[in-house]
PDB file of N, CA and C in Angstrom:
ATOM      1  N   MET A   1       0.857  -1.188   0.000  1.00  0.00           N
ATOM      2  CA  MET A   1       0.000   0.000   0.000  1.00  0.00           C
ATOM      3  C   MET A   1       0.892   1.237   0.000  1.00  0.00           C
ATOM      4  N   GLU A   2       0.516   2.175  -0.779  1.00  0.00           N
ATOM      5  CA  GLU A   2       1.212   3.450  -0.886  1.00  0.00           C
ATOM      6  C   GLU A   2       1.091   4.255   0.403  1.00  0.00           C
ATOM      7  N   ASP A   3       2.108   5.091   0.695  1.00  0.00           N
ATOM      8  CA  ASP A   3       2.069   5.930   1.902  1.00  0.00           C
ATOM      9  C   ASP A   3       0.854   6.850   1.906  1.00  0.00           C
ATOM     10  N   LYS A   4       0.568   7.441   0.755  1.00  0.00           N
ATOM     11  CA  LYS A   4      -0.572   8.366   0.680  1.00  0.00           C
ATOM     12  C   LYS A   4      -1.871   7.644   1.010  1.00  0.00           C
ATOM     13  N   GLN A   5      -2.070   6.487   0.445  1.00  0.00           N
ATOM     14  CA  GLN A   5      -3.298   5.737   0.695  1.00  0.00           C
ATOM     15  C   GLN A   5      -3.381   5.307   2.160  1.00  0.00           C
ATOM     16  N   ALA A   6      -2.257   4.920   2.731  1.00  0.00           N
ATOM     17  CA  ALA A   6      -2.232   4.536   4.142  1.00  0.00           C
ATOM     18  C   ALA A   6      -2.629   5.719   5.023  1.00  0.00           C
ATOM     19  N   MET A   7      -2.096   6.891   4.715  1.00  0.00           N
ATOM     20  CA  MET A   7      -2.436   8.089   5.501  1.00  0.00           C
ATOM     21  C   MET A   7      -3.903   8.453   5.318  1.00  0.00           C
ATOM     22  N   GLU A   8      -4.427   8.295   4.116  1.00  0.00           N
ATOM     23  CA  GLU A   8      -5.852   8.561   3.895  1.00  0.00           C
ATOM     24  C   GLU A   8      -6.708   7.627   4.752  1.00  0.00           C
ATOM     25  N   ASN A   9      -6.323   6.360   4.811  1.00  0.00           N
ATOM     26  CA  ASN A   9      -7.061   5.404   5.627  1.00  0.00           C
ATOM     27  C   ASN A   9      -6.982   5.737   7.112  1.00  0.00           C
ATOM     28  N   ILE A  10      -5.799   6.153   7.553  1.00  0.00           N
ATOM     29  CA  ILE A  10      -5.630   6.536   8.957  1.00  0.00           C
ATOM     30  C   ILE A  10      -6.471   7.764   9.270  1.00  0.00           C
ATOM     31  N   LEU A  11      -6.478   8.731   8.356  1.00  0.00           N
ATOM     32  CA  LEU A  11      -7.273   9.944   8.569  1.00  0.00           C
ATOM     33  C   LEU A  11      -8.766   9.608   8.637  1.00  0.00           C
ATOM     34  N   LEU A  12      -9.230   8.757   7.740  1.00  0.00           N
ATOM     35  CA  LEU A  12     -10.639   8.358   7.764  1.00  0.00           C
ATOM     36  C   LEU A  12     -10.987   7.642   9.067  1.00  0.00           C
ATOM     37  N   SER A  13     -10.095   6.807   9.536  1.00  0.00           N
ATOM     38  CA  SER A  13     -10.327   6.120  10.812  1.00  0.00           C
ATOM     39  C   SER A  13     -10.373   7.116  11.966  1.00  0.00           C
ATOM     40  N   ALA A  14      -9.464   8.082  11.954  1.00  0.00           N
ATOM     41  CA  ALA A  14      -9.442   9.094  13.010  1.00  0.00           C
ATOM     42  C   ALA A  14     -10.731   9.912  13.003  1.00  0.00           C
ATOM     43  N   LYS A  15     -11.217  10.257  11.821  1.00  0.00           N
ATOM     44  CA  LYS A  15     -12.475  10.998  11.726  1.00  0.00           C
ATOM     45  C   LYS A  15     -13.640  10.161  12.249  1.00  0.00           C
ATOM     46  N   GLY A  16     -13.619   8.865  11.956  1.00  0.00           N
ATOM     47  CA  GLY A  16     -14.662   7.973  12.446  1.00  0.00           C
ATOM     48  C   GLY A  16     -14.657   7.879  13.961  1.00  0.00           C
ATOM     49  N   VAL A  17     -13.463   7.816  14.540  1.00  0.00           N
ATOM     50  CA  VAL A  17     -13.337   7.781  15.998  1.00  0.00           C
ATOM     51  C   VAL A  17     -13.887   9.076  16.598  1.00  0.00           C
ATOM     52  N   CYS A  18     -13.565  10.207  15.997  1.00  0.00           N
ATOM     53  CA  CYS A  18     -14.088  11.492  16.479  1.00  0.00           C
ATOM     54  C   CYS A  18     -15.616  11.482  16.463  1.00  0.00           C
ATOM     55  N   ASP A  19     -16.186  10.953  15.406  1.00  0.00           N
ATOM     56  CA  ASP A  19     -17.643  10.882  15.291  1.00  0.00           C
ATOM     57  C   ASP A  19     -18.236  10.020  16.408  1.00  0.00           C
ATOM     58  N   LEU A  20     -17.631   8.887  16.681  1.00  0.00           N
ATOM     59  CA  LEU A  20     -18.126   8.009  17.746  1.00  0.00           C
ATOM     60  C   LEU A  20     -18.034   8.685  19.109  1.00  0.00           C
ATOM     61  N   TYR A  21     -16.903   9.315  19.400  1.00  0.00           N
ATOM     62  CA  TYR A  21     -16.743   9.993  20.686  1.00  0.00           C
ATOM     63  C   TYR A  21     -17.708  11.166  20.821  1.00  0.00           C
ATOM     64  N   MET A  22     -17.937  11.889  19.716  1.00  0.00           N
ATOM     65  CA  MET A  22     -18.877  13.008  19.768  1.00  0.00           C
ATOM     66  C   MET A  22     -20.268  12.512  20.142  1.00  0.00           C
ATOM     67  N   HIS A  23     -20.709  11.435  19.495  1.00  0.00           N
ATOM     68  CA  HIS A  23     -22.032  10.905  19.804  1.00  0.00           C
ATOM     69  C   HIS A  23     -22.084  10.346  21.221  1.00  0.00           C
ATOM     70  N   GLY A  24     -21.005   9.759  21.678  1.00  0.00           N
ATOM     71  CA  GLY A  24     -20.949   9.284  23.055  1.00  0.00           C
ATOM     72  C   GLY A  24     -21.096  10.430  24.035  1.00  0.00           C
ATOM     73  N   ALA A  25     -20.421  11.534  23.760  1.00  0.00           N
ATOM     74  CA  ALA A  25     -20.523  12.704  24.639  1.00  0.00           C
ATOM     75  C   ALA A  25     -21.926  13.293  24.611  1.00  0.00           C
ATOM     76  N   LEU A  26     -22.521  13.346  23.439  1.00  0.00           N
ATOM     77  CA  LEU A  26     -23.871  13.905  23.324  1.00  0.00           C
ATOM     78  C   LEU A  26     -24.918  13.052  24.029  1.00  0.00           C
ATOM     79  N   GLU A  27     -24.750  11.747  23.978  1.00  0.00           N
ATOM     80  CA  GLU A  27     -25.759  10.831  24.499  1.00  0.00           C
ATOM     81  C   GLU A  27     -25.536  10.430  25.953  1.00  0.00           C
ATOM     82  N   ALA A  28     -24.372  10.719  26.504  1.00  0.00           N
ATOM     83  CA  ALA A  28     -24.059  10.283  27.865  1.00  0.00           C
ATOM     84  C   ALA A  28     -24.976  10.967  28.881  1.00  0.00           C
ATOM     85  N   SER A  29     -25.588  10.168  29.730  1.00  0.00           N
ATOM     86  CA  SER A  29     -26.471  10.732  30.761  1.00  0.00           C
ATOM     87  C   SER A  29     -25.717  10.962  32.067  1.00  0.00           C
ATOM     88  N   ASP A  30     -24.584  10.312  32.237  1.00  0.00           N
ATOM     89  CA  ASP A  30     -23.777  10.467  33.443  1.00  0.00           C
ATOM     90  C   ASP A  30     -22.668  11.487  33.180  1.00  0.00           C
ATOM     91  N   THR A  31     -22.459  12.395  34.103  1.00  0.00           N
ATOM     92  CA  THR A  31     -21.471  13.464  33.926  1.00  0.00           C
ATOM     93  C   THR A  31     -20.070  12.904  33.723  1.00  0.00           C
ATOM     94  N   ARG A  32     -19.704  11.887  34.492  1.00  0.00           N
ATOM     95  CA  ARG A  32     -18.356  11.321  34.358  1.00  0.00           C
ATOM     96  C   ARG A  32     -18.167  10.639  33.013  1.00  0.00           C
ATOM     97  N   VAL A  33     -19.189   9.968  32.540  1.00  0.00           N
ATOM     98  CA  VAL A  33     -19.110   9.329  31.220  1.00  0.00           C
ATOM     99  C   VAL A  33     -19.006  10.403  30.140  1.00  0.00           C
ATOM    100  N   HIS A  34     -19.810  11.455  30.271  1.00  0.00           N
ATOM    101  CA  HIS A  34     -19.756  12.573  29.321  1.00  0.00           C
ATOM    102  C   HIS A  34     -18.357  13.177  29.289  1.00  0.00           C
ATOM    103  N   GLN A  35     -17.786  13.415  30.449  1.00  0.00           N
ATOM    104  CA  GLN A  35     -16.444  14.004  30.518  1.00  0.00           C
ATOM    105  C   GLN A  35     -15.395  13.088  29.896  1.00  0.00           C
ATOM    106  N   ALA A  36     -15.532  11.783  30.107  1.00  0.00           N
ATOM    107  CA  ALA A  36     -14.581  10.835  29.518  1.00  0.00           C
ATOM    108  C   ALA A  36     -14.656  10.875  27.991  1.00  0.00           C
ATOM    109  N   PHE A  37     -15.880  10.868  27.465  1.00  0.00           N
ATOM    110  CA  PHE A  37     -16.037  10.965  26.012  1.00  0.00           C
ATOM    111  C   PHE A  37     -15.524  12.307  25.490  1.00  0.00           C
ATOM    112  N   ASP A  38     -15.782  13.364  26.241  1.00  0.00           N
ATOM    113  CA  ASP A  38     -15.354  14.698  25.826  1.00  0.00           C
ATOM    114  C   ASP A  38     -13.827  14.782  25.763  1.00  0.00           C
ATOM    115  N   ARG A  39     -13.153  14.244  26.772  1.00  0.00           N
ATOM    116  CA  ARG A  39     -11.680  14.234  26.759  1.00  0.00           C
ATOM    117  C   ARG A  39     -11.156  13.400  25.584  1.00  0.00           C
ATOM    118  N   ALA A  40     -11.755  12.231  25.398  1.00  0.00           N
ATOM    119  CA  ALA A  40     -11.326  11.362  24.296  1.00  0.00           C
ATOM    120  C   ALA A  40     -11.553  12.048  22.947  1.00  0.00           C
ATOM    121  N   LEU A  41     -12.675  12.759  22.816  1.00  0.00           N
ATOM    122  CA  LEU A  41     -12.965  13.487  21.582  1.00  0.00           C
ATOM    123  C   LEU A  41     -11.910  14.552  21.328  1.00  0.00           C
ATOM    124  N   ASN A  42     -11.588  15.335  22.345  1.00  0.00           N
ATOM    125  CA  ASN A  42     -10.596  16.403  22.167  1.00  0.00           C
ATOM    126  C   ASN A  42      -9.230  15.841  21.789  1.00  0.00           C
ATOM    127  N   GLU A  43      -8.822  14.733  22.420  1.00  0.00           N
ATOM    128  CA  GLU A  43      -7.554  14.101  22.067  1.00  0.00           C
ATOM    129  C   GLU A  43      -7.590  13.590  20.623  1.00  0.00           C
ATOM    130  N   SER A  44      -8.710  13.005  20.243  1.00  0.00           N
ATOM    131  CA  SER A  44      -8.851  12.465  18.887  1.00  0.00           C
ATOM    132  C   SER A  44      -8.840  13.572  17.844  1.00  0.00           C
ATOM    133  N   ILE A  45      -9.433  14.707  18.159  1.00  0.00           N
ATOM    134  CA  ILE A  45      -9.413  15.850  17.239  1.00  0.00           C
ATOM    135  C   ILE A  45      -7.979  16.325  17.031  1.00  0.00           C
ATOM    136  N   CYS A  46      -7.190  16.351  18.105  1.00  0.00           N
ATOM    137  CA  CYS A  46      -5.780  16.753  17.974  1.00  0.00           C
ATOM    138  C   CYS A  46      -5.008  15.767  17.105  1.00  0.00           C
ATOM    139  N   ILE A  47      -5.260  14.478  17.283  1.00  0.00           N
ATOM    140  CA  ILE A  47      -4.603  13.456  16.465  1.00  0.00           C
ATOM    141  C   ILE A  47      -4.999  13.622  14.998  1.00  0.00           C
ATOM    142  N   GLN A  48      -6.293  13.818  14.780  1.00  0.00           N
ATOM    143  CA  GLN A  48      -6.786  14.005  13.408  1.00  0.00           C
ATOM    144  C   GLN A  48      -6.128  15.228  12.776  1.00  0.00           C
ATOM    145  N   ASP A  49      -5.977  16.295  13.543  1.00  0.00           N
ATOM    146  CA  ASP A  49      -5.361  17.515  13.032  1.00  0.00           C
ATOM    147  C   ASP A  49      -3.891  17.279  12.675  1.00  0.00           C
ATOM    148  N   ASP A  50      -3.188  16.519  13.507  1.00  0.00           N
ATOM    149  CA  ASP A  50      -1.785  16.199  13.208  1.00  0.00           C
ATOM    150  C   ASP A  50      -1.665  15.407  11.910  1.00  0.00           C
ATOM    151  N   ILE A  51      -2.540  14.434  11.734  1.00  0.00           N
ATOM    152  CA  ILE A  51      -2.524  13.628  10.505  1.00  0.00           C
ATOM    153  C   ILE A  51      -2.795  14.518   9.295  1.00  0.00           C
ATOM    154  N   TYR A  52      -3.808  15.382   9.412  1.00  0.00           N
ATOM    155  CA  TYR A  52      -4.153  16.300   8.327  1.00  0.00           C
ATOM    156  C   TYR A  52      -2.957  17.186   7.962  1.00  0.00           C
ATOM    157  N   LYS A  53      -2.298  17.747   8.976  1.00  0.00           N
ATOM    158  CA  LYS A  53      -1.168  18.646   8.719  1.00  0.00           C
ATOM    159  C   LYS A  53      -0.028  17.916   8.015  1.00  0.00           C
ATOM    160  N   LYS A  54       0.226  16.670   8.401  1.00  0.00           N
ATOM    161  CA  LYS A  54       1.280  15.892   7.742  1.00  0.00           C
ATOM    162  C   LYS A  54       0.913  15.611   6.292  1.00  0.00           C
ATOM    163  N   MET A  55      -0.343  15.296   6.058  1.00  0.00           N
ATOM    164  CA  MET A  55      -0.788  15.043   4.687  1.00  0.00           C
ATOM    165  C   MET A  55      -0.719  16.309   3.844  1.00  0.00           C
ATOM    166  N   GLN A  56      -1.137  17.419   4.420  1.00  0.00           N
ATOM    167  CA  GLN A  56      -1.117  18.682   3.687  1.00  0.00           C
ATOM    168  C   GLN A  56       0.319  19.083   3.353  1.00  0.00           C
ATOM    169  N   ALA A  57       1.241  18.861   4.288  1.00  0.00           N
ATOM    170  CA  ALA A  57       2.650  19.212   4.060  1.00  0.00           C
ATOM    171  C   ALA A  57       3.246  18.418   2.896  1.00  0.00           C
ATOM    172  N   LYS A  58       2.770  17.199   2.691  1.00  0.00           N
ATOM    173  CA  LYS A  58       3.256  16.367   1.588  1.00  0.00           C
ATOM    174  C   LYS A  58       2.474  16.600   0.297  1.00  0.00           C
ATOM    175  N   GLY A  59       1.474  17.499   0.356  1.00  0.00           N
ATOM    176  CA  GLY A  59       0.660  17.767  -0.826  1.00  0.00           C
ATOM    177  C   GLY A  59      -0.404  16.715  -1.072  1.00  0.00           C
ATOM    178  N   TRP A  60      -0.679  15.882  -0.065  1.00  0.00           N
ATOM    179  CA  TRP A  60      -1.650  14.805  -0.201  1.00  0.00           C
ATOM    180  C   TRP A  60      -3.059  15.224   0.183  1.00  0.00           C
ATOM    181  N   TYR A  61      -3.220  16.438   0.696  1.00  0.00           N
ATOM    182  CA  TYR A  61      -4.537  16.933   1.080  1.00  0.00           C
ATOM    183  C   TYR A  61      -4.617  18.396   0.642  1.00  0.00           C
ATOM    184  N   PRO A  62      -4.752  18.590  -0.652  1.00  0.00           N
ATOM    185  CA  PRO A  62      -4.768  19.964  -1.154  1.00  0.00           C
ATOM    186  C   PRO A  62      -6.046  20.702  -0.736  1.00  0.00           C
ATOM    187  N   THR A  63      -5.882  21.953  -0.467  1.00  0.00           N
ATOM    188  CA  THR A  63      -7.040  22.789  -0.129  1.00  0.00           C
ATOM    189  C   THR A  63      -7.161  23.900  -1.161  1.00  0.00           C
ATOM    190  N   GLU A  64      -8.330  24.459  -1.224  1.00  0.00           N
ATOM    191  CA  GLU A  64      -8.622  25.483  -2.216  1.00  0.00           C
ATOM    192  C   GLU A  64      -9.052  26.763  -1.512  1.00  0.00           C
ATOM    193  N   GLN A  65      -8.519  27.875  -1.951  1.00  0.00           N
ATOM    194  CA  GLN A  65      -8.943  29.162  -1.413  1.00  0.00           C
ATOM    195  C   GLN A  65     -10.346  29.482  -1.939  1.00  0.00           C
ATOM    196  N   VAL A  66     -11.205  29.908  -1.046  1.00  0.00           N
ATOM    197  CA  VAL A  66     -12.568  30.247  -1.434  1.00  0.00           C
ATOM    198  C   VAL A  66     -12.651  31.756  -1.637  1.00  0.00           C
ATOM    199  N   ASP A  67     -13.334  32.149  -2.673  1.00  0.00           N
ATOM    200  CA  ASP A  67     -13.538  33.555  -2.980  1.00  0.00           C
ATOM    201  C   ASP A  67     -14.306  34.226  -1.839  1.00  0.00           C
ATOM    202  N   GLN A  68     -13.863  35.392  -1.432  1.00  0.00           N
ATOM    203  CA  GLN A  68     -14.487  36.108  -0.313  1.00  0.00           C
ATOM    204  C   GLN A  68     -15.969  36.380  -0.559  1.00  0.00           C
ATOM    205  N   GLN A  69     -16.356  36.596  -1.798  1.00  0.00           N
ATOM    206  CA  GLN A  69     -17.771  36.827  -2.115  1.00  0.00           C
ATOM    207  C   GLN A  69     -18.618  35.601  -1.760  1.00  0.00           C
ATOM    208  N   LYS A  70     -18.094  34.414  -2.002  1.00  0.00           N
ATOM    209  CA  LYS A  70     -18.822  33.189  -1.654  1.00  0.00           C
ATOM    210  C   LYS A  70     -18.972  33.062  -0.142  1.00  0.00           C
ATOM    211  N   ILE A  71     -17.920  33.400   0.578  1.00  0.00           N
ATOM    212  CA  ILE A  71     -17.972  33.357   2.042  1.00  0.00           C
ATOM    213  C   ILE A  71     -19.023  34.336   2.552  1.00  0.00           C
ATOM    214  N   ASP A  72     -19.004  35.551   2.022  1.00  0.00           N
ATOM    215  CA  ASP A  72     -19.963  36.568   2.446  1.00  0.00           C
ATOM    216  C   ASP A  72     -21.395  36.151   2.139  1.00  0.00           C
ATOM    217  N   LYS A  73     -21.598  35.518   0.998  1.00  0.00           N
ATOM    218  CA  LYS A  73     -22.932  35.057   0.608  1.00  0.00           C
ATOM    219  C   LYS A  73     -23.458  34.010   1.591  1.00  0.00           C
ATOM    220  N   VAL A  74     -22.617  33.072   1.962  1.00  0.00           N
ATOM    221  CA  VAL A  74     -23.030  32.034   2.920  1.00  0.00           C
ATOM    222  C   VAL A  74     -23.286  32.648   4.294  1.00  0.00           C
ATOM    223  N   LYS A  75     -22.426  33.562   4.708  1.00  0.00           N
ATOM    224  CA  LYS A  75     -22.628  34.233   6.001  1.00  0.00           C
ATOM    225  C   LYS A  75     -23.955  34.976   6.016  1.00  0.00           C
ATOM    226  N   GLN A  76     -24.251  35.670   4.933  1.00  0.00           N
ATOM    227  CA  GLN A  76     -25.504  36.415   4.831  1.00  0.00           C
ATOM    228  C   GLN A  76     -26.692  35.462   4.883  1.00  0.00           C
ATOM    229  N   LYS A  77     -26.599  34.364   4.170  1.00  0.00           N
ATOM    230  CA  LYS A  77     -27.684  33.389   4.131  1.00  0.00           C
ATOM    231  C   LYS A  77     -28.002  32.869   5.536  1.00  0.00           C
ATOM    232  N   PHE A  78     -26.983  32.516   6.292  1.00  0.00           N
ATOM    233  CA  PHE A  78     -27.225  31.948   7.619  1.00  0.00           C
ATOM    234  C   PHE A  78     -27.536  33.011   8.663  1.00  0.00           C
ATOM    235  N   SER A  79     -27.049  34.223   8.483  1.00  0.00           N
ATOM    236  CA  SER A  79     -27.381  35.264   9.460  1.00  0.00           C
ATOM    237  C   SER A  79     -28.863  35.669   9.340  1.00  0.00           C
ATOM    238  N   THR A  80     -29.414  35.628   8.117  1.00  0.00           N
ATOM    239  CA  THR A  80     -30.827  35.968   7.966  1.00  0.00           C
ATOM    240  C   THR A  80     -31.719  34.822   8.394  1.00  0.00           C
ATOM    241  N   SER A  81     -31.251  33.581   8.237  1.00  0.00           N
ATOM    242  CA  SER A  81     -32.080  32.438   8.640  1.00  0.00           C
ATOM    243  C   SER A  81     -32.070  32.244  10.159  1.00  0.00           C
ATOM    244  N   MET A  82     -31.085  32.799  10.843  1.00  0.00           N
ATOM    245  CA  MET A  82     -30.995  32.673  12.296  1.00  0.00           C
ATOM    246  C   MET A  82     -31.781  33.770  13.000  1.00  0.00           C
ATOM    247  N   SER A  83     -32.193  34.779  12.280  1.00  0.00           N
ATOM    248  CA  SER A  83     -32.895  35.921  12.898  1.00  0.00           C
ATOM    249  C   SER A  83     -34.345  35.610  13.144  1.00  0.00           C
TER     250      SER A  83
END
């Protein structure tokens, strides 16, 4: 398996773990269980971010600059729907 593909798989797994911990934190009825899921989620988010940064540094996760007009349009859309 190629390094890029391996990193993509690791990133997808990390994102999946974050999703599971998030739902665990949301659904936990006990404060201690909620806190445990919350800590695990925060640690997992940091791990996911590290993986992303390594991939981006190698050019394996290219990002695109968004036009400011598009950003403003979306902001306007959601600011009026929230009012």
